[in-house]
Protein backbone atom coordinates (compact mmCIF):
# COMPACT_ATOMS: atom_id res chain seq x y z
CA UNK A 1 64.33 58.25 11.80
CA UNK A 2 60.66 56.34 11.59
CA UNK A 3 60.81 52.86 12.78
CA UNK A 4 58.96 50.21 11.92
CA UNK A 5 59.19 48.00 14.84
CA UNK A 6 56.80 46.80 18.19
CA UNK A 7 59.36 47.68 20.50
CA UNK A 8 62.23 49.82 21.30
CA UNK A 9 64.49 50.64 23.93
CA UNK A 10 64.59 53.69 26.30
CA UNK A 11 68.42 54.12 24.95
CA UNK A 12 67.76 53.54 21.24
CA UNK A 13 64.75 56.22 21.08
CA UNK A 14 66.97 58.64 22.62
CA UNK A 15 70.13 58.03 20.44
CA UNK A 16 68.04 58.31 17.43
CA UNK A 17 66.17 61.57 18.41
CA UNK A 18 69.26 63.26 19.40
CA UNK A 19 68.01 63.18 23.03
CA UNK A 20 69.66 62.16 26.72
CA UNK A 21 68.23 58.93 28.69
CA UNK A 22 68.45 58.58 32.32
CA UNK A 23 68.03 55.59 34.55
CA UNK A 24 66.85 52.07 33.37
CA UNK A 25 67.58 52.23 29.62
CA UNK A 26 67.35 49.09 28.51
CA UNK A 27 63.43 49.43 29.01
CA UNK A 28 61.80 48.84 26.34
CA UNK A 29 58.08 50.33 24.98
CA UNK A 30 55.46 50.04 22.31
CA UNK A 31 54.19 53.50 21.67
CA UNK A 32 53.26 56.90 23.69
CA UNK A 33 50.51 58.14 25.47
CA UNK A 34 49.49 61.00 27.40
CA UNK A 35 50.65 60.79 30.94
CA UNK A 36 47.29 60.09 32.42
CA UNK A 37 46.55 57.16 29.93
CA UNK A 38 50.04 55.42 29.69
CA UNK A 39 50.09 51.91 30.76
CA UNK A 40 53.66 50.27 31.98
CA UNK A 41 54.57 49.75 28.44
CA UNK A 42 54.18 52.96 26.83
CA UNK A 43 55.94 56.11 27.07
CA UNK A 44 54.45 58.82 28.79
CA UNK A 45 54.55 62.55 26.90
CA UNK A 46 55.42 65.00 29.59
CA UNK A 47 57.30 67.52 27.67
CA UNK A 48 56.00 70.74 28.94
CA UNK A 49 56.27 70.90 33.13
CA UNK A 50 52.88 71.69 33.63
CA UNK A 51 51.65 67.66 32.85
CA UNK A 52 54.80 66.26 35.47
CA UNK A 53 51.99 65.57 37.92
CA UNK A 54 49.65 63.78 35.21
CA UNK A 55 52.40 61.11 35.44
CA UNK A 56 51.33 59.45 38.61
CA UNK A 57 47.78 59.27 37.39
CA UNK A 58 48.84 56.78 34.75
CA UNK A 59 51.14 53.57 35.10
CA UNK A 60 54.29 54.57 32.75
CA UNK A 61 57.66 53.68 33.66
CA UNK A 62 59.35 55.57 31.49
CA UNK A 63 58.44 59.09 29.96
CA UNK A 64 59.56 61.81 28.00
CA UNK A 65 60.55 65.25 29.84
CA UNK A 66 61.88 68.44 29.10
CA UNK A 67 64.50 68.63 31.52
CA UNK A 68 65.75 65.80 34.63
CA UNK A 69 65.22 68.36 37.62
CA UNK A 70 64.26 65.82 40.11
CA UNK A 71 62.89 63.10 37.86
CA UNK A 72 63.66 60.45 40.31
CA UNK A 73 60.92 61.83 42.35
CA UNK A 74 58.11 61.06 39.81
CA UNK A 75 58.24 57.18 40.47
CA UNK A 76 59.84 56.41 36.80
CA UNK A 77 62.43 53.82 35.77
CA UNK A 78 63.53 56.20 33.10
CA UNK A 79 63.54 59.29 31.49
CA UNK A 80 64.11 60.62 27.65
CA UNK A 81 65.16 64.27 28.09
CA UNK A 82 64.51 66.28 25.25
CA UNK A 83 67.26 68.84 24.46
CA UNK A 84 64.77 71.31 22.52
CA UNK A 85 61.71 70.86 24.13
CA UNK A 86 59.60 72.99 21.58
CA UNK A 87 60.47 70.51 19.38
CA UNK A 88 60.12 67.51 21.41
CA UNK A 89 56.93 66.09 20.27
CA UNK A 90 57.43 67.05 16.30
CA UNK A 91 60.83 64.83 17.30
CA UNK A 92 59.38 62.03 18.81
CA UNK A 93 56.21 61.39 16.91
CA UNK A 94 58.64 61.64 14.06
CA UNK A 95 60.07 58.71 15.54
CA UNK A 96 57.16 56.66 15.81
CA UNK A 97 54.93 57.53 13.10
CA UNK A 98 54.02 54.63 11.13
CA UNK A 99 56.05 54.04 7.54
CA UNK A 100 53.52 53.88 4.67
CA UNK A 101 54.21 52.25 1.48
CA UNK A 102 52.83 49.14 -0.77
CA UNK A 103 54.41 45.97 -2.06
CA UNK A 104 55.85 46.30 -5.11
CA UNK A 105 53.34 43.97 -7.36
CA UNK A 106 50.65 46.80 -6.33
CA UNK A 107 52.40 48.89 -9.18
CA UNK A 108 50.74 46.27 -11.86
CA UNK A 109 47.30 47.05 -10.67
CA UNK A 110 47.73 50.65 -11.91
CA UNK A 111 47.99 52.42 -15.61
CA UNK A 112 51.49 53.92 -16.15
CA UNK A 113 51.65 55.46 -18.89
CA UNK A 114 54.70 55.38 -21.45
CA UNK A 115 57.38 58.07 -21.03
CA UNK A 116 57.14 57.93 -17.22
CA UNK A 117 59.97 58.29 -15.10
CA UNK A 118 59.94 56.61 -11.87
CA UNK A 119 63.24 56.92 -9.25
CA UNK A 120 64.72 54.16 -7.38
CA UNK A 121 62.22 52.67 -4.14
CA UNK A 122 59.39 55.11 -5.52
CA UNK A 123 56.05 52.47 -4.62
CA UNK A 124 52.94 52.69 -6.11
CA UNK A 125 49.34 51.80 -5.11
CA UNK A 126 46.57 50.32 -6.76
CA UNK A 127 44.49 51.62 -9.22
CA UNK A 128 46.38 54.78 -10.10
CA UNK A 129 47.10 56.78 -13.15
CA UNK A 130 50.15 58.42 -14.15
CA UNK A 131 50.06 60.06 -17.63
CA UNK A 132 52.69 60.47 -20.01
CA UNK A 133 56.19 62.25 -19.60
CA UNK A 134 55.37 62.51 -15.58
CA UNK A 135 58.57 62.28 -13.34
CA UNK A 136 58.46 60.70 -9.92
CA UNK A 137 61.77 61.10 -7.70
CA UNK A 138 63.22 58.87 -5.79
CA UNK A 139 61.70 57.00 -2.25
CA UNK A 140 58.09 58.46 -3.04
CA UNK A 141 55.17 56.39 -2.01
CA UNK A 142 51.64 56.91 -3.87
CA UNK A 143 48.67 55.74 -2.92
CA UNK A 144 45.85 54.02 -4.40
CA UNK A 145 43.38 55.99 -6.81
CA UNK A 146 45.78 58.76 -7.47
CA UNK A 147 46.04 60.41 -10.50
CA UNK A 148 48.99 62.32 -11.67
CA UNK A 149 48.67 63.74 -15.69
CA UNK A 150 51.13 64.57 -18.41
CA UNK A 151 54.25 66.34 -17.59
CA UNK A 152 54.21 66.39 -14.28
CA UNK A 153 56.82 66.56 -11.93
CA UNK A 154 56.90 65.35 -8.24
CA UNK A 155 59.97 65.66 -6.37
CA UNK A 156 61.91 63.03 -3.97
CA UNK A 157 61.04 61.30 -0.96
CA UNK A 158 57.00 62.84 -1.17
CA UNK A 159 54.20 60.92 -0.29
CA UNK A 160 51.06 61.38 -2.23
CA UNK A 161 48.10 59.18 -0.50
CA UNK A 162 44.81 57.83 -1.95
CA UNK A 163 42.49 60.01 -4.13
CA UNK A 164 44.79 63.07 -5.03
CA UNK A 165 44.38 64.61 -8.23
CA UNK A 166 47.34 66.03 -9.72
CA UNK A 167 46.39 68.25 -12.86
CA UNK A 168 48.60 68.38 -15.96
CA UNK A 169 52.24 70.25 -16.03
CA UNK A 170 51.80 70.92 -12.03
CA UNK A 171 55.55 70.76 -10.48
CA UNK A 172 56.08 69.80 -7.25
CA UNK A 173 59.39 69.67 -4.83
CA UNK A 174 60.87 67.17 -2.52
CA UNK A 175 59.52 66.06 0.46
CA UNK A 176 55.77 66.52 -0.58
CA UNK A 177 53.29 65.06 1.37
CA UNK A 178 49.69 65.51 0.00
CA UNK A 179 46.90 63.92 2.09
CA UNK A 180 43.33 62.49 0.95
CA UNK A 181 41.20 63.72 -1.81
CA UNK A 182 42.99 67.07 -2.82
CA UNK A 183 42.71 68.41 -5.63
CA UNK A 184 46.11 70.29 -7.38
CA UNK A 185 45.81 71.85 -10.84
CA UNK A 186 42.22 72.26 -11.54
CA UNK A 187 40.52 74.88 -13.87
CA UNK A 188 40.06 78.48 -11.86
CA UNK A 189 36.89 79.86 -11.18
CA UNK A 190 36.98 82.57 -14.03
CA UNK A 191 34.29 83.64 -16.66
CA UNK A 192 33.99 87.07 -18.60
CA UNK A 193 30.51 88.73 -19.32
CA UNK A 194 29.55 90.24 -23.24
CA UNK A 195 29.23 93.66 -21.37
CA UNK A 196 29.54 95.33 -17.87
CA UNK A 197 26.45 94.11 -15.86
CA UNK A 198 26.01 94.41 -12.28
CA UNK A 199 28.67 93.25 -10.61
CA UNK A 200 30.62 95.92 -12.10
CA UNK A 201 28.38 98.42 -10.89
CA UNK A 202 28.18 97.08 -7.41
CA UNK A 203 32.29 97.84 -7.35
CA UNK A 204 31.92 101.28 -8.91
CA UNK A 205 29.22 102.23 -6.52
CA UNK A 206 29.13 100.30 -3.54
CA UNK A 207 25.80 99.27 -4.26
CA UNK A 208 24.49 103.03 -4.65
CA UNK A 209 23.17 102.63 -7.98
CA UNK A 210 22.76 99.03 -9.56
CA UNK A 211 20.57 99.22 -12.73
CA UNK A 212 22.04 96.78 -14.97
CA UNK A 213 21.73 93.05 -14.76
CA UNK A 214 24.32 90.13 -15.85
CA UNK A 215 24.34 88.59 -18.93
CA UNK A 216 25.47 85.35 -19.97
CA UNK A 217 28.93 84.24 -19.04
CA UNK A 218 31.67 82.89 -20.97
CA UNK A 219 34.49 80.75 -19.10
CA UNK A 220 38.24 81.39 -19.05
CA UNK A 221 40.08 78.45 -19.60
CA UNK A 222 43.07 78.02 -17.55
CA UNK A 223 46.51 77.01 -19.48
CA UNK A 224 49.22 77.95 -16.38
CA UNK A 225 49.95 75.41 -13.94
CA UNK A 226 50.92 74.90 -10.33
CA UNK A 227 54.47 75.18 -9.02
CA UNK A 228 54.90 74.10 -5.41
CA UNK A 229 58.10 74.09 -3.70
CA UNK A 230 60.09 71.71 -1.25
CA UNK A 231 59.13 70.56 2.20
CA UNK A 232 55.34 71.52 1.77
CA UNK A 233 52.61 69.46 2.97
CA UNK A 234 49.06 69.83 2.30
CA UNK A 235 45.56 68.42 3.96
CA UNK A 236 42.94 66.36 2.82
CA UNK A 237 40.34 67.66 0.34
CA UNK A 238 42.03 71.22 -0.41
CA UNK A 239 41.72 72.22 -3.76
CA UNK A 240 44.57 74.67 -5.81
CA UNK A 241 43.62 76.57 -9.10
CA UNK A 242 46.19 76.80 -11.80
CA UNK A 243 47.37 79.57 -13.08
CA UNK A 244 45.16 81.32 -16.08
CA UNK A 245 48.59 81.91 -18.47
CA UNK A 246 51.21 82.04 -15.43
CA UNK A 247 51.44 79.85 -12.75
CA UNK A 248 49.86 79.59 -8.90
CA UNK A 249 52.70 79.31 -6.98
CA UNK A 250 53.40 77.97 -3.10
CA UNK A 251 57.00 78.61 -1.69
CA UNK A 252 59.40 76.00 0.26
CA UNK A 253 58.23 74.81 3.59
CA UNK A 254 54.24 76.46 3.33
CA UNK A 255 52.23 74.00 5.16
CA UNK A 256 48.28 74.14 3.91
CA UNK A 257 45.65 72.61 6.29
CA UNK A 258 42.30 70.61 5.17
CA UNK A 259 39.86 72.57 3.11
CA UNK A 260 41.53 75.54 1.89
CA UNK A 261 40.92 76.41 -1.43
CA UNK A 262 43.66 78.72 -3.37
CA UNK A 263 42.78 80.30 -6.77
CA UNK A 264 44.13 80.90 -9.66
CA UNK A 265 47.46 83.22 -9.73
CA UNK A 266 47.43 83.04 -6.49
CA UNK A 267 51.11 83.78 -5.00
CA UNK A 268 51.84 82.34 -1.37
CA UNK A 269 55.43 82.54 0.19
CA UNK A 270 57.79 80.71 2.42
CA UNK A 271 57.53 78.95 5.18
CA UNK A 272 53.47 79.57 5.50
CA UNK A 273 50.61 78.44 7.61
CA UNK A 274 46.93 78.33 5.56
CA UNK A 275 44.65 76.92 8.24
CA UNK A 276 41.12 75.02 8.18
CA UNK A 277 38.77 76.67 5.09
CA UNK A 278 40.95 79.54 4.64
CA UNK A 279 40.24 81.18 0.66
CA UNK A 280 42.50 82.91 -1.15
CA UNK A 281 40.87 84.48 -4.63
CA UNK A 282 42.75 84.89 -7.81
CA UNK A 283 46.34 86.89 -8.10
CA UNK A 284 46.25 87.41 -3.87
CA UNK A 285 50.38 87.76 -3.59
CA UNK A 286 50.77 86.60 -0.18
CA UNK A 287 54.60 87.12 1.72
CA UNK A 288 56.62 84.81 3.81
CA UNK A 289 56.16 83.72 6.67
CA UNK A 290 52.32 84.81 6.91
CA UNK A 291 50.06 82.72 9.32
CA UNK A 292 46.55 82.90 8.64
CA UNK A 293 44.20 81.15 11.02
CA UNK A 294 41.19 79.16 10.19
CA UNK A 295 38.35 80.36 8.10
CA UNK A 296 40.34 83.35 6.50
CA UNK A 297 39.46 84.99 3.38
CA UNK A 298 41.21 87.01 1.38
CA UNK A 299 40.49 89.53 -1.55
CA UNK A 300 41.69 88.94 -5.34
CA UNK A 301 44.34 90.88 -6.45
CA UNK A 302 45.82 92.10 -3.03
CA UNK A 303 49.33 91.81 -1.62
CA UNK A 304 49.89 90.55 1.98
CA UNK A 305 53.59 91.58 3.19
CA UNK A 306 55.57 89.17 4.92
CA UNK A 307 54.71 88.16 8.80
CA UNK A 308 51.35 88.96 9.03
CA UNK A 309 49.48 86.82 11.41
CA UNK A 310 45.04 87.12 10.60
CA UNK A 311 43.08 85.38 13.79
CA UNK A 312 40.32 83.23 12.79
CA UNK A 313 37.66 84.20 10.25
CA UNK A 314 39.46 87.43 9.74
CA UNK A 315 38.42 88.68 6.13
CA UNK A 316 41.14 90.75 4.53
CA UNK A 317 40.08 93.02 1.40
CA UNK A 318 42.45 95.65 1.18
CA UNK A 319 46.53 95.18 0.84
CA UNK A 320 48.44 94.79 4.59
CA UNK A 321 51.67 96.04 5.47
CA UNK A 322 54.04 93.21 6.37
CA UNK A 323 53.83 92.32 10.22
CA UNK A 324 50.49 93.52 10.58
CA UNK A 325 48.53 91.57 13.07
CA UNK A 326 44.54 91.21 12.25
CA UNK A 327 41.61 90.12 13.32
CA UNK A 328 37.68 90.93 12.04
CA UNK A 329 35.65 91.67 9.35
CA UNK A 330 36.82 93.85 7.77
CA UNK A 331 40.40 93.26 8.89
CA UNK A 332 41.99 95.65 11.50
CA UNK A 333 44.72 95.53 13.54
CA UNK A 334 44.00 93.05 15.93
CA UNK A 335 43.97 95.67 19.29
CA UNK A 336 41.31 97.49 17.63
CA UNK A 337 39.33 94.97 16.95
CA UNK A 338 39.55 93.62 20.54
CA UNK A 339 38.55 97.03 21.60
CA UNK A 340 35.92 97.09 19.08
CA UNK A 341 34.41 94.21 20.33
CA UNK A 342 34.65 95.22 23.89
CA UNK A 343 32.43 98.42 22.90
CA UNK A 344 30.05 96.74 21.19
CA UNK A 345 29.35 94.22 24.15
CA UNK A 346 29.00 97.50 26.39
CA UNK A 347 26.09 98.72 24.00
CA UNK A 348 22.93 97.26 25.79
CA UNK A 349 23.55 98.54 29.29
CA UNK A 350 24.24 102.16 27.44
CA UNK A 351 21.07 101.77 25.59
CA UNK A 352 19.36 100.74 28.85
CA UNK A 353 20.99 103.74 30.75
CA UNK A 354 19.88 106.39 28.09
CA UNK A 355 16.31 104.84 28.12
CA UNK A 356 16.27 105.28 32.04
CA UNK A 357 17.40 108.64 31.17
CA UNK A 358 15.16 109.52 29.16
CA UNK A 359 12.40 108.37 31.33
CA UNK A 360 13.15 110.96 33.58
CA UNK A 361 13.78 113.55 31.14
CA UNK A 362 10.04 112.29 30.35
CA UNK A 363 8.81 112.62 33.80
CA UNK A 364 9.89 116.15 34.59
CA UNK A 365 8.71 117.45 31.69
């Protein structure tokens, strides 16, 4: 559905995205813009009705609308009407997005090991390293300065942007998108001490009794790998640790934002959304369709059920049953967190009232 040309007629855009077109459908546009900023050569995005009034503030001749009601009153020459307004922005930006590719001779500037299998129409940018026995599916684009280590498999139609590091034996499905400078398959953060120390005492006594100190740390090496399903997207500068013995896994359709950390042995289900700065500690299990807003943190070795939603900066320290809506630190049901916050805001007035009552009592005595 992506186009690489500079001009597009209203009719061909509508046909390509499965929408309806009205008015002068032969008009051509060069791109998309907000209704206020669109010029006469751009397509004004007014999919939501609340943006219709903004069309008059710009110079657009063509707009994308969520319905065709009274579109002639908007001063437009043509409109494209999206059948499913909720998916309208996704559909339209998918058509206009710029294709990402390299000329075929760029591969000559990379190091590709023996035994690598590269599918048809796969393009590889300069200064990239691909280790032995790596498989790249059909129609992939691998950016510049990428490293993919031995035994890894990348599915078809995947895009791996510049600076990405993929560790040994990583297994990734089709339609994978990975943004700049992400690391997949690094060693987990795992250490042991020769004897129990202060950390174990804190866990046991919650800090009531701590008379031990930490001894030297011995690294636990990560011998597992990372397994990622189909249709997964990972943002920039995210880190995903390989498992210690087993696999760190990410299910089909999950979308991960920038600056997310997923520790060793974590298992994440399908169609999850993990927003920026989420951190999931080792061996946590996350269900399907879970949504973690930014800066959500998850303790190690706990289970979070299907369809859980956590608000921003939530800190999850214990198991969560499916369908729970959470907020706060420590995490509680969102309604309870909001009620607690409102009560805390009233405390200064309560203290002032108590202080005045104490003064009156003192004056009476």
